[in-house]
C-alpha cells in the first residue's frame, strides 16, 4: 500500500497508513486538484501543521496527527480532578444527602414497511 503511495498521491505523499487512509477519504469527497492543493503537507501533530512541531521539540519524536502525540495530557487531566487539593471544600465535605439520579432510556426506533 505505502510502497505505491508516491504514484497514487504524488503531491504531499502520505508516509503512514493513517495518513494514507485520511488521504483516501479526503480525495473520495474532494477529488479536484484545487482541493488537494489547499491541504498543507509535512509532519502533523494533533491535527496541527508542521509548525506545531517547532513549538515543542518533544512532539518531534512522536508524530501523530490523531492527537496521541500529546502523551499523558489526558491522564494528567484525570489525576488533577481526583487530587483532594483541587476539590472545593463544600463538595469534599459532602451534604450527607443521597445523590439523586435520573434514569433515562434511549428512544426507541420502529422501522416499518
PDB file of N, CA and C in Angstrom:
ATOM      1  N   UNK A   1       0.828  -1.185   0.000  1.00  0.00           N
ATOM      2  CA  UNK A   1       0.000   0.000   0.000  1.00  0.00           C
ATOM      3  C   UNK A   1       0.880   1.259   0.000  1.00  0.00           C
ATOM      4  N   UNK A   2       1.734   1.387   1.014  1.00  0.00           N
ATOM      5  CA  UNK A   2       2.575   2.583   1.096  1.00  0.00           C
ATOM      6  C   UNK A   2       3.665   2.601   0.029  1.00  0.00           C
ATOM      7  N   UNK A   3       4.039   1.425  -0.471  1.00  0.00           N
ATOM      8  CA  UNK A   3       5.087   1.399  -1.493  1.00  0.00           C
ATOM      9  C   UNK A   3       4.623   2.052  -2.789  1.00  0.00           C
ATOM     10  N   UNK A   4       3.316   2.077  -3.038  1.00  0.00           N
ATOM     11  CA  UNK A   4       2.767   2.717  -4.236  1.00  0.00           C
ATOM     12  C   UNK A   4       2.208   4.110  -3.957  1.00  0.00           C
ATOM     13  N   UNK A   5       2.294   4.568  -2.738  1.00  0.00           N
ATOM     14  CA  UNK A   5       1.691   5.853  -2.360  1.00  0.00           C
ATOM     15  C   UNK A   5       2.225   7.008  -3.195  1.00  0.00           C
ATOM     16  N   UNK A   6       3.514   6.992  -3.515  1.00  0.00           N
ATOM     17  CA  UNK A   6       4.099   8.111  -4.275  1.00  0.00           C
ATOM     18  C   UNK A   6       3.555   8.181  -5.697  1.00  0.00           C
ATOM     19  N   UNK A   7       3.026   7.052  -6.204  1.00  0.00           N
ATOM     20  CA  UNK A   7       2.431   7.053  -7.541  1.00  0.00           C
ATOM     21  C   UNK A   7       0.951   7.442  -7.488  1.00  0.00           C
ATOM     22  N   UNK A   8       0.284   7.029  -6.436  1.00  0.00           N
ATOM     23  CA  UNK A   8      -1.146   7.324  -6.290  1.00  0.00           C
ATOM     24  C   UNK A   8      -1.357   8.760  -5.814  1.00  0.00           C
ATOM     25  N   UNK A   9      -0.518   9.196  -4.888  1.00  0.00           N
ATOM     26  CA  UNK A   9      -0.609  10.548  -4.330  1.00  0.00           C
ATOM     27  C   UNK A   9       0.734  11.256  -4.495  1.00  0.00           C
ATOM     28  N   UNK A  10       1.041  11.754  -5.690  1.00  0.00           N
ATOM     29  CA  UNK A  10       2.353  12.377  -5.898  1.00  0.00           C
ATOM     30  C   UNK A  10       2.537  13.700  -5.137  1.00  0.00           C
ATOM     31  N   UNK A  11       1.459  14.407  -4.853  1.00  0.00           N
ATOM     32  CA  UNK A  11       1.545  15.669  -4.105  1.00  0.00           C
ATOM     33  C   UNK A  11       1.301  15.382  -2.627  1.00  0.00           C
ATOM     34  N   UNK A  12       2.225  15.775  -1.763  1.00  0.00           N
ATOM     35  CA  UNK A  12       2.117  15.509  -0.318  1.00  0.00           C
ATOM     36  C   UNK A  12       1.866  14.027  -0.058  1.00  0.00           C
ATOM     37  N   UNK A  13       2.741  13.187  -0.526  1.00  0.00           N
ATOM     38  CA  UNK A  13       2.606  11.735  -0.392  1.00  0.00           C
ATOM     39  C   UNK A  13       2.514  11.341   1.077  1.00  0.00           C
ATOM     40  N   UNK A  14       1.479  10.565   1.462  1.00  0.00           N
ATOM     41  CA  UNK A  14       1.366  10.115   2.849  1.00  0.00           C
ATOM     42  C   UNK A  14       2.495   9.144   3.199  1.00  0.00           C
ATOM     43  N   UNK A  15       2.980   9.223   4.427  1.00  0.00           N
ATOM     44  CA  UNK A  15       4.096   8.372   4.854  1.00  0.00           C
ATOM     45  C   UNK A  15       3.695   7.326   5.887  1.00  0.00           C
ATOM     46  N   UNK A  16       2.456   7.378   6.366  1.00  0.00           N
ATOM     47  CA  UNK A  16       1.971   6.376   7.319  1.00  0.00           C
ATOM     48  C   UNK A  16       0.649   5.810   6.816  1.00  0.00           C
ATOM     49  N   UNK A  17       0.272   4.662   7.349  1.00  0.00           N
ATOM     50  CA  UNK A  17      -1.012   4.065   6.956  1.00  0.00           C
ATOM     51  C   UNK A  17      -2.176   4.973   7.339  1.00  0.00           C
ATOM     52  N   UNK A  18      -2.048   5.602   8.490  1.00  0.00           N
ATOM     53  CA  UNK A  18      -3.107   6.503   8.945  1.00  0.00           C
ATOM     54  C   UNK A  18      -3.258   7.684   7.986  1.00  0.00           C
ATOM     55  N   UNK A  19      -2.134   8.280   7.595  1.00  0.00           N
ATOM     56  CA  UNK A  19      -2.170   9.406   6.659  1.00  0.00           C
ATOM     57  C   UNK A  19      -2.704   8.960   5.302  1.00  0.00           C
ATOM     58  N   UNK A  20      -2.350   7.753   4.895  1.00  0.00           N
ATOM     59  CA  UNK A  20      -2.833   7.204   3.627  1.00  0.00           C
ATOM     60  C   UNK A  20      -4.358   7.069   3.664  1.00  0.00           C
ATOM     61  N   UNK A  21      -4.872   6.565   4.785  1.00  0.00           N
ATOM     62  CA  UNK A  21      -6.323   6.410   4.936  1.00  0.00           C
ATOM     63  C   UNK A  21      -7.021   7.773   4.890  1.00  0.00           C
ATOM     64  N   UNK A  22      -6.496   8.743   5.640  1.00  0.00           N
ATOM     65  CA  UNK A  22      -7.079  10.092   5.619  1.00  0.00           C
ATOM     66  C   UNK A  22      -7.116  10.636   4.196  1.00  0.00           C
ATOM     67  N   UNK A  23      -6.037  10.420   3.471  1.00  0.00           N
ATOM     68  CA  UNK A  23      -5.940  10.938   2.113  1.00  0.00           C
ATOM     69  C   UNK A  23      -6.961  10.271   1.198  1.00  0.00           C
ATOM     70  N   UNK A  24      -7.149   8.957   1.343  1.00  0.00           N
ATOM     71  CA  UNK A  24      -8.150   8.253   0.529  1.00  0.00           C
ATOM     72  C   UNK A  24      -9.542   8.814   0.783  1.00  0.00           C
ATOM     73  N   UNK A  25      -9.878   9.013   2.043  1.00  0.00           N
ATOM     74  CA  UNK A  25     -11.195   9.549   2.396  1.00  0.00           C
ATOM     75  C   UNK A  25     -11.348  10.967   1.850  1.00  0.00           C
ATOM     76  N   UNK A  26     -10.339  11.798   2.043  1.00  0.00           N
ATOM     77  CA  UNK A  26     -10.399  13.181   1.577  1.00  0.00           C
ATOM     78  C   UNK A  26     -10.617  13.237   0.071  1.00  0.00           C
ATOM     79  N   UNK A  27      -9.828  12.468  -0.674  1.00  0.00           N
ATOM     80  CA  UNK A  27      -9.924  12.540  -2.133  1.00  0.00           C
ATOM     81  C   UNK A  27     -11.195  11.893  -2.670  1.00  0.00           C
ATOM     82  N   UNK A  28     -11.822  11.049  -1.875  1.00  0.00           N
ATOM     83  CA  UNK A  28     -13.110  10.488  -2.292  1.00  0.00           C
ATOM     84  C   UNK A  28     -14.167  11.593  -2.325  1.00  0.00           C
ATOM     85  N   UNK A  29     -14.115  12.489  -1.358  1.00  0.00           N
ATOM     86  CA  UNK A  29     -15.094  13.574  -1.281  1.00  0.00           C
ATOM     87  C   UNK A  29     -14.660  14.826  -2.048  1.00  0.00           C
ATOM     88  N   UNK A  30     -13.356  15.022  -2.163  1.00  0.00           N
ATOM     89  CA  UNK A  30     -12.822  16.217  -2.826  1.00  0.00           C
ATOM     90  C   UNK A  30     -11.767  15.811  -3.859  1.00  0.00           C
ATOM     91  N   UNK A  31     -12.184  15.288  -5.008  1.00  0.00           N
ATOM     92  CA  UNK A  31     -11.221  14.782  -5.991  1.00  0.00           C
ATOM     93  C   UNK A  31     -10.517  15.868  -6.813  1.00  0.00           C
ATOM     94  N   UNK A  32     -10.973  17.106  -6.726  1.00  0.00           N
ATOM     95  CA  UNK A  32     -10.386  18.173  -7.532  1.00  0.00           C
ATOM     96  C   UNK A  32      -8.959  18.489  -7.070  1.00  0.00           C
ATOM     97  N   UNK A  33      -8.099  18.790  -8.037  1.00  0.00           N
ATOM     98  CA  UNK A  33      -6.718  19.142  -7.709  1.00  0.00           C
ATOM     99  C   UNK A  33      -6.674  20.401  -6.847  1.00  0.00           C
ATOM    100  N   UNK A  34      -7.579  21.333  -7.094  1.00  0.00           N
ATOM    101  CA  UNK A  34      -7.601  22.567  -6.302  1.00  0.00           C
ATOM    102  C   UNK A  34      -7.859  22.271  -4.826  1.00  0.00           C
ATOM    103  N   UNK A  35      -8.679  21.260  -4.535  1.00  0.00           N
ATOM    104  CA  UNK A  35      -8.949  20.887  -3.143  1.00  0.00           C
ATOM    105  C   UNK A  35      -7.713  20.261  -2.510  1.00  0.00           C
ATOM    106  N   UNK A  36      -7.030  19.419  -3.255  1.00  0.00           N
ATOM    107  CA  UNK A  36      -5.833  18.751  -2.744  1.00  0.00           C
ATOM    108  C   UNK A  36      -4.751  19.774  -2.403  1.00  0.00           C
ATOM    109  N   UNK A  37      -4.649  20.812  -3.213  1.00  0.00           N
ATOM    110  CA  UNK A  37      -3.610  21.823  -3.002  1.00  0.00           C
ATOM    111  C   UNK A  37      -3.875  22.715  -1.790  1.00  0.00           C
ATOM    112  N   UNK A  38      -5.092  22.677  -1.242  1.00  0.00           N
ATOM    113  CA  UNK A  38      -5.398  23.506  -0.068  1.00  0.00           C
ATOM    114  C   UNK A  38      -4.888  22.900   1.230  1.00  0.00           C
ATOM    115  N   UNK A  39      -4.547  21.613   1.222  1.00  0.00           N
ATOM    116  CA  UNK A  39      -4.118  20.933   2.443  1.00  0.00           C
ATOM    117  C   UNK A  39      -2.594  20.975   2.532  1.00  0.00           C
ATOM    118  N   UNK A  40      -2.055  21.561   3.606  1.00  0.00           N
ATOM    119  CA  UNK A  40      -0.597  21.619   3.726  1.00  0.00           C
ATOM    120  C   UNK A  40      -0.021  20.231   3.989  1.00  0.00           C
ATOM    121  N   UNK A  41       1.165  20.004   3.512  1.00  0.00           N
ATOM    122  CA  UNK A  41       1.818  18.714   3.728  1.00  0.00           C
ATOM    123  C   UNK A  41       2.784  18.785   4.884  1.00  0.00           C
ATOM    124  N   UNK A  42       3.506  17.702   5.073  1.00  0.00           N
ATOM    125  CA  UNK A  42       4.518  17.652   6.119  1.00  0.00           C
ATOM    126  C   UNK A  42       4.023  16.941   7.353  1.00  0.00           C
ATOM    127  N   UNK A  43       4.896  16.811   8.332  1.00  0.00           N
ATOM    128  CA  UNK A  43       4.517  16.120   9.562  1.00  0.00           C
ATOM    129  C   UNK A  43       3.396  16.849  10.287  1.00  0.00           C
ATOM    130  N   UNK A  44       2.597  16.092  11.013  1.00  0.00           N
ATOM    131  CA  UNK A  44       1.458  16.671  11.720  1.00  0.00           C
ATOM    132  C   UNK A  44       1.414  16.140  13.141  1.00  0.00           C
ATOM    133  N   UNK A  45       1.071  16.998  14.059  1.00  0.00           N
ATOM    134  CA  UNK A  45       0.926  16.614  15.454  1.00  0.00           C
ATOM    135  C   UNK A  45      -0.420  17.102  15.940  1.00  0.00           C
ATOM    136  N   UNK A  46      -1.242  16.180  16.420  1.00  0.00           N
ATOM    137  CA  UNK A  46      -2.550  16.517  16.984  1.00  0.00           C
ATOM    138  C   UNK A  46      -3.355  17.401  16.042  1.00  0.00           C
ATOM    139  N   UNK A  47      -3.411  17.012  14.791  1.00  0.00           N
ATOM    140  CA  UNK A  47      -4.184  17.710  13.757  1.00  0.00           C
ATOM    141  C   UNK A  47      -3.661  19.112  13.462  1.00  0.00           C
ATOM    142  N   UNK A  48      -2.447  19.407  13.827  1.00  0.00           N
ATOM    143  CA  UNK A  48      -1.854  20.702  13.535  1.00  0.00           C
ATOM    144  C   UNK A  48      -0.906  20.566  12.355  1.00  0.00           C
ATOM    145  N   UNK A  49      -0.446  21.667  11.856  1.00  0.00           N
ATOM    146  CA  UNK A  49       0.510  21.645  10.754  1.00  0.00           C
ATOM    147  C   UNK A  49       1.911  21.373  11.288  1.00  0.00           C
ATOM    148  N   UNK A  50       2.852  21.306  10.390  1.00  0.00           N
ATOM    149  CA  UNK A  50       4.245  21.053  10.768  1.00  0.00           C
ATOM    150  C   UNK A  50       4.785  22.144  11.694  1.00  0.00           C
ATOM    151  N   UNK A  51       4.183  23.307  11.679  1.00  0.00           N
ATOM    152  CA  UNK A  51       4.627  24.427  12.523  1.00  0.00           C
ATOM    153  C   UNK A  51       4.523  24.071  14.011  1.00  0.00           C
ATOM    154  N   UNK A  52       3.559  23.236  14.382  1.00  0.00           N
ATOM    155  CA  UNK A  52       3.372  22.870  15.791  1.00  0.00           C
ATOM    156  C   UNK A  52       4.584  22.130  16.341  1.00  0.00           C
ATOM    157  N   UNK A  53       5.286  21.396  15.496  1.00  0.00           N
ATOM    158  CA  UNK A  53       6.462  20.652  15.943  1.00  0.00           C
ATOM    159  C   UNK A  53       7.564  21.607  16.386  1.00  0.00           C
ATOM    160  N   UNK A  54       7.608  22.775  15.783  1.00  0.00           N
ATOM    161  CA  UNK A  54       8.610  23.771  16.170  1.00  0.00           C
ATOM    162  C   UNK A  54       8.332  24.339  17.564  1.00  0.00           C
ATOM    163  N   UNK A  55       7.103  24.293  18.013  1.00  0.00           N
ATOM    164  CA  UNK A  55       6.740  24.855  19.316  1.00  0.00           C
ATOM    165  C   UNK A  55       7.237  23.988  20.461  1.00  0.00           C
ATOM    166  N   UNK A  56       7.207  22.663  20.266  1.00  0.00           N
ATOM    167  CA  UNK A  56       7.575  21.743  21.334  1.00  0.00           C
ATOM    168  C   UNK A  56       8.430  20.629  20.743  1.00  0.00           C
ATOM    169  N   UNK A  57       9.716  20.621  21.050  1.00  0.00           N
ATOM    170  CA  UNK A  57      10.643  19.637  20.481  1.00  0.00           C
ATOM    171  C   UNK A  57      10.266  18.208  20.867  1.00  0.00           C
ATOM    172  N   UNK A  58       9.595  18.030  21.986  1.00  0.00           N
ATOM    173  CA  UNK A  58       9.201  16.699  22.439  1.00  0.00           C
ATOM    174  C   UNK A  58       8.248  16.037  21.442  1.00  0.00           C
ATOM    175  N   UNK A  59       7.442  16.828  20.765  1.00  0.00           N
ATOM    176  CA  UNK A  59       6.487  16.277  19.806  1.00  0.00           C
ATOM    177  C   UNK A  59       7.163  15.674  18.592  1.00  0.00           C
ATOM    178  N   UNK A  60       8.353  16.142  18.251  1.00  0.00           N
ATOM    179  CA  UNK A  60       9.012  15.653  17.040  1.00  0.00           C
ATOM    180  C   UNK A  60       9.342  14.168  17.126  1.00  0.00           C
ATOM    181  N   UNK A  61       9.407  13.605  18.319  1.00  0.00           N
ATOM    182  CA  UNK A  61       9.676  12.179  18.477  1.00  0.00           C
ATOM    183  C   UNK A  61       8.436  11.319  18.399  1.00  0.00           C
ATOM    184  N   UNK A  62       7.272  11.920  18.320  1.00  0.00           N
ATOM    185  CA  UNK A  62       6.026  11.154  18.289  1.00  0.00           C
ATOM    186  C   UNK A  62       5.034  11.848  17.363  1.00  0.00           C
ATOM    187  N   UNK A  63       5.329  11.834  16.079  1.00  0.00           N
ATOM    188  CA  UNK A  63       4.462  12.494  15.103  1.00  0.00           C
ATOM    189  C   UNK A  63       3.195  11.674  14.921  1.00  0.00           C
ATOM    190  N   UNK A  64       2.085  12.241  15.279  1.00  0.00           N
ATOM    191  CA  UNK A  64       0.817  11.533  15.191  1.00  0.00           C
ATOM    192  C   UNK A  64      -0.304  12.542  15.012  1.00  0.00           C
ATOM    193  N   UNK A  65      -0.954  12.554  13.847  1.00  0.00           N
ATOM    194  CA  UNK A  65      -1.993  13.553  13.599  1.00  0.00           C
ATOM    195  C   UNK A  65      -3.258  13.357  14.428  1.00  0.00           C
ATOM    196  N   UNK A  66      -3.437  12.189  15.041  1.00  0.00           N
ATOM    197  CA  UNK A  66      -4.679  11.935  15.762  1.00  0.00           C
ATOM    198  C   UNK A  66      -4.710  12.544  17.159  1.00  0.00           C
ATOM    199  N   UNK A  67      -3.604  13.036  17.653  1.00  0.00           N
ATOM    200  CA  UNK A  67      -3.602  13.656  18.972  1.00  0.00           C
ATOM    201  C   UNK A  67      -2.914  12.827  20.032  1.00  0.00           C
ATOM    202  N   UNK A  68      -2.541  11.595  19.713  1.00  0.00           N
ATOM    203  CA  UNK A  68      -1.849  10.772  20.701  1.00  0.00           C
ATOM    204  C   UNK A  68      -0.423  11.265  20.935  1.00  0.00           C
ATOM    205  N   UNK A  69      -0.001  12.272  20.161  1.00  0.00           N
ATOM    206  CA  UNK A  69       1.345  12.816  20.331  1.00  0.00           C
ATOM    207  C   UNK A  69       1.483  13.536  21.662  1.00  0.00           C
ATOM    208  N   UNK A  70       0.400  14.043  22.171  1.00  0.00           N
ATOM    209  CA  UNK A  70       0.427  14.755  23.442  1.00  0.00           C
ATOM    210  C   UNK A  70       0.290  13.732  24.565  1.00  0.00           C
ATOM    211  N   UNK A  71       1.313  12.902  24.710  1.00  0.00           N
ATOM    212  CA  UNK A  71       1.277  11.802  25.676  1.00  0.00           C
ATOM    213  C   UNK A  71       1.084  12.312  27.096  1.00  0.00           C
ATOM    214  N   UNK A  72       0.201  11.659  27.828  1.00  0.00           N
ATOM    215  CA  UNK A  72      -0.013  11.993  29.223  1.00  0.00           C
ATOM    216  C   UNK A  72      -0.961  13.144  29.476  1.00  0.00           C
ATOM    217  N   UNK A  73      -1.354  13.861  28.457  1.00  0.00           N
ATOM    218  CA  UNK A  73      -2.217  15.026  28.657  1.00  0.00           C
ATOM    219  C   UNK A  73      -3.558  14.608  29.234  1.00  0.00           C
ATOM    220  N   UNK A  74      -4.155  13.578  28.670  1.00  0.00           N
ATOM    221  CA  UNK A  74      -5.485  13.171  29.120  1.00  0.00           C
ATOM    222  C   UNK A  74      -5.434  12.566  30.521  1.00  0.00           C
ATOM    223  N   UNK A  75      -4.433  11.743  30.800  1.00  0.00           N
ATOM    224  CA  UNK A  75      -4.314  11.164  32.133  1.00  0.00           C
ATOM    225  C   UNK A  75      -4.051  12.247  33.173  1.00  0.00           C
ATOM    226  N   UNK A  76      -3.253  13.217  32.830  1.00  0.00           N
ATOM    227  CA  UNK A  76      -2.961  14.303  33.763  1.00  0.00           C
ATOM    228  C   UNK A  76      -4.233  15.055  34.132  1.00  0.00           C
ATOM    229  N   UNK A  77      -5.134  15.194  33.184  1.00  0.00           N
ATOM    230  CA  UNK A  77      -6.391  15.884  33.468  1.00  0.00           C
ATOM    231  C   UNK A  77      -7.206  15.107  34.495  1.00  0.00           C
ATOM    232  N   UNK A  78      -7.232  13.781  34.377  1.00  0.00           N
ATOM    233  CA  UNK A  78      -7.994  12.977  35.332  1.00  0.00           C
ATOM    234  C   UNK A  78      -7.333  12.992  36.707  1.00  0.00           C
ATOM    235  N   UNK A  79      -6.021  12.897  36.741  1.00  0.00           N
ATOM    236  CA  UNK A  79      -5.316  12.925  38.021  1.00  0.00           C
ATOM    237  C   UNK A  79      -5.571  14.243  38.744  1.00  0.00           C
ATOM    238  N   UNK A  80      -5.623  15.322  37.997  1.00  0.00           N
ATOM    239  CA  UNK A  80      -5.862  16.643  38.574  1.00  0.00           C
ATOM    240  C   UNK A  80      -7.255  16.706  39.202  1.00  0.00           C
ATOM    241  N   UNK A  81      -8.231  16.064  38.582  1.00  0.00           N
ATOM    242  CA  UNK A  81      -9.603  16.091  39.103  1.00  0.00           C
ATOM    243  C   UNK A  81      -9.707  15.365  40.439  1.00  0.00           C
ATOM    244  N   UNK A  82      -8.952  14.284  40.601  1.00  0.00           N
ATOM    245  CA  UNK A  82      -9.080  13.471  41.810  1.00  0.00           C
ATOM    246  C   UNK A  82      -8.147  13.916  42.931  1.00  0.00           C
ATOM    247  N   UNK A  83      -7.376  14.920  42.694  1.00  0.00           N
ATOM    248  CA  UNK A  83      -6.478  15.441  43.703  1.00  0.00           C
ATOM    249  C   UNK A  83      -7.313  16.219  44.725  1.00  0.00           C
ATOM    250  N   UNK A  84      -7.358  15.776  46.007  1.00  0.00           N
ATOM    251  CA  UNK A  84      -8.196  16.450  47.018  1.00  0.00           C
ATOM    252  C   UNK A  84      -7.866  17.930  47.179  1.00  0.00           C
ATOM    253  N   UNK A  85      -6.670  18.306  46.838  1.00  0.00           N
ATOM    254  CA  UNK A  85      -6.267  19.703  46.967  1.00  0.00           C
ATOM    255  C   UNK A  85      -7.056  20.607  46.018  1.00  0.00           C
ATOM    256  N   UNK A  86      -7.571  20.033  44.925  1.00  0.00           N
ATOM    257  CA  UNK A  86      -8.273  20.821  43.918  1.00  0.00           C
ATOM    258  C   UNK A  86      -9.794  20.672  43.988  1.00  0.00           C
ATOM    259  N   UNK A  87     -10.307  20.031  45.027  1.00  0.00           N
ATOM    260  CA  UNK A  87     -11.753  19.857  45.180  1.00  0.00           C
ATOM    261  C   UNK A  87     -12.272  20.932  46.129  1.00  0.00           C
ATOM    262  N   UNK A  88     -13.303  21.676  45.733  1.00  0.00           N
ATOM    263  CA  UNK A  88     -13.859  22.697  46.626  1.00  0.00           C
ATOM    264  C   UNK A  88     -14.288  22.092  47.964  1.00  0.00           C
ATOM    265  N   UNK A  89     -14.100  22.837  49.050  1.00  0.00           N
ATOM    266  CA  UNK A  89     -14.382  22.335  50.399  1.00  0.00           C
ATOM    267  C   UNK A  89     -15.824  21.875  50.550  1.00  0.00           C
ATOM    268  N   UNK A  90     -16.780  22.599  49.959  1.00  0.00           N
ATOM    269  CA  UNK A  90     -18.197  22.236  50.084  1.00  0.00           C
ATOM    270  C   UNK A  90     -18.468  20.873  49.458  1.00  0.00           C
ATOM    271  N   UNK A  91     -17.805  20.585  48.373  1.00  0.00           N
ATOM    272  CA  UNK A  91     -18.008  19.290  47.717  1.00  0.00           C
ATOM    273  C   UNK A  91     -17.282  18.198  48.485  1.00  0.00           C
ATOM    274  N   UNK A  92     -16.054  18.478  48.950  1.00  0.00           N
ATOM    275  CA  UNK A  92     -15.279  17.492  49.691  1.00  0.00           C
ATOM    276  C   UNK A  92     -15.981  17.095  50.983  1.00  0.00           C
ATOM    277  N   UNK A  93     -16.631  18.059  51.668  1.00  0.00           N
ATOM    278  CA  UNK A  93     -17.318  17.781  52.926  1.00  0.00           C
ATOM    279  C   UNK A  93     -18.578  16.966  52.701  1.00  0.00           C
ATOM    280  N   UNK A  94     -19.227  17.166  51.568  1.00  0.00           N
ATOM    281  CA  UNK A  94     -20.467  16.447  51.284  1.00  0.00           C
ATOM    282  C   UNK A  94     -21.631  17.044  52.036  1.00  0.00           C
ATOM    283  N   UNK A  95     -22.826  16.769  51.562  1.00  0.00           N
ATOM    284  CA  UNK A  95     -24.017  17.316  52.204  1.00  0.00           C
ATOM    285  C   UNK A  95     -24.721  16.278  53.054  1.00  0.00           C
ATOM    286  N   UNK A  96     -24.276  15.030  52.989  1.00  0.00           N
ATOM    287  CA  UNK A  96     -24.929  13.979  53.749  1.00  0.00           C
ATOM    288  C   UNK A  96     -26.168  13.436  53.064  1.00  0.00           C
ATOM    289  N   UNK A  97     -26.598  14.055  51.989  1.00  0.00           N
ATOM    290  CA  UNK A  97     -27.773  13.600  51.259  1.00  0.00           C
ATOM    291  C   UNK A  97     -27.377  12.563  50.219  1.00  0.00           C
ATOM    292  N   UNK A  98     -28.298  11.672  49.973  1.00  0.00           N
ATOM    293  CA  UNK A  98     -28.083  10.682  48.931  1.00  0.00           C
ATOM    294  C   UNK A  98     -28.205  11.390  47.575  1.00  0.00           C
ATOM    295  N   UNK A  99     -27.238  11.191  46.681  1.00  0.00           N
ATOM    296  CA  UNK A  99     -27.338  11.860  45.386  1.00  0.00           C
ATOM    297  C   UNK A  99     -28.549  11.383  44.599  1.00  0.00           C
ATOM    298  N   UNK A 100     -29.201  12.327  43.943  1.00  0.00           N
ATOM    299  CA  UNK A 100     -30.364  11.986  43.127  1.00  0.00           C
ATOM    300  C   UNK A 100     -29.900  11.588  41.737  1.00  0.00           C
ATOM    301  N   UNK A 101     -30.482  10.547  41.227  1.00  0.00           N
ATOM    302  CA  UNK A 101     -30.162  10.133  39.863  1.00  0.00           C
ATOM    303  C   UNK A 101     -31.450   9.999  39.076  1.00  0.00           C
ATOM    304  N   UNK A 102     -31.357  10.264  37.828  1.00  0.00           N
ATOM    305  CA  UNK A 102     -32.497  10.115  36.930  1.00  0.00           C
ATOM    306  C   UNK A 102     -32.095   9.107  35.869  1.00  0.00           C
ATOM    307  N   UNK A 103     -32.891   8.096  35.705  1.00  0.00           N
ATOM    308  CA  UNK A 103     -32.600   7.099  34.676  1.00  0.00           C
ATOM    309  C   UNK A 103     -33.412   7.428  33.437  1.00  0.00           C
ATOM    310  N   UNK A 104     -32.718   7.505  32.336  1.00  0.00           N
ATOM    311  CA  UNK A 104     -33.361   7.836  31.075  1.00  0.00           C
ATOM    312  C   UNK A 104     -33.064   6.728  30.082  1.00  0.00           C
ATOM    313  N   UNK A 105     -34.115   6.210  29.476  1.00  0.00           N
ATOM    314  CA  UNK A 105     -33.940   5.172  28.461  1.00  0.00           C
ATOM    315  C   UNK A 105     -33.785   5.832  27.096  1.00  0.00           C
ATOM    316  N   UNK A 106     -32.943   5.266  26.252  1.00  0.00           N
ATOM    317  CA  UNK A 106     -32.813   5.840  24.908  1.00  0.00           C
ATOM    318  C   UNK A 106     -34.110   5.674  24.134  1.00  0.00           C
ATOM    319  N   UNK A 107     -34.404   6.600  23.232  1.00  0.00           N
ATOM    320  CA  UNK A 107     -35.645   6.484  22.465  1.00  0.00           C
ATOM    321  C   UNK A 107     -35.602   5.268  21.549  1.00  0.00           C
ATOM    322  N   UNK A 108     -36.740   4.651  21.398  1.00  0.00           N
ATOM    323  CA  UNK A 108     -36.833   3.504  20.505  1.00  0.00           C
ATOM    324  C   UNK A 108     -37.149   3.948  19.092  1.00  0.00           C
ATOM    325  N   UNK A 109     -36.714   3.170  18.146  1.00  0.00           N
ATOM    326  CA  UNK A 109     -36.970   3.476  16.748  1.00  0.00           C
ATOM    327  C   UNK A 109     -37.661   2.278  16.122  1.00  0.00           C
ATOM    328  N   UNK A 110     -38.787   2.539  15.496  1.00  0.00           N
ATOM    329  CA  UNK A 110     -39.511   1.471  14.812  1.00  0.00           C
ATOM    330  C   UNK A 110     -39.433   1.711  13.313  1.00  0.00           C
ATOM    331  N   UNK A 111     -38.951   0.723  12.597  1.00  0.00           N
ATOM    332  CA  UNK A 111     -38.868   0.821  11.142  1.00  0.00           C
ATOM    333  C   UNK A 111     -39.952  -0.074  10.562  1.00  0.00           C
ATOM    334  N   UNK A 112     -40.836   0.536   9.839  1.00  0.00           N
ATOM    335  CA  UNK A 112     -41.947  -0.215   9.252  1.00  0.00           C
ATOM    336  C   UNK A 112     -41.850  -0.186   7.735  1.00  0.00           C
ATOM    337  N   UNK A 113     -42.373  -1.238   7.148  1.00  0.00           N
ATOM    338  CA  UNK A 113     -42.504  -1.229   5.690  1.00  0.00           C
ATOM    339  C   UNK A 113     -41.432  -1.899   5.046  1.00  0.00           C
TER     340      UNK A 113
END
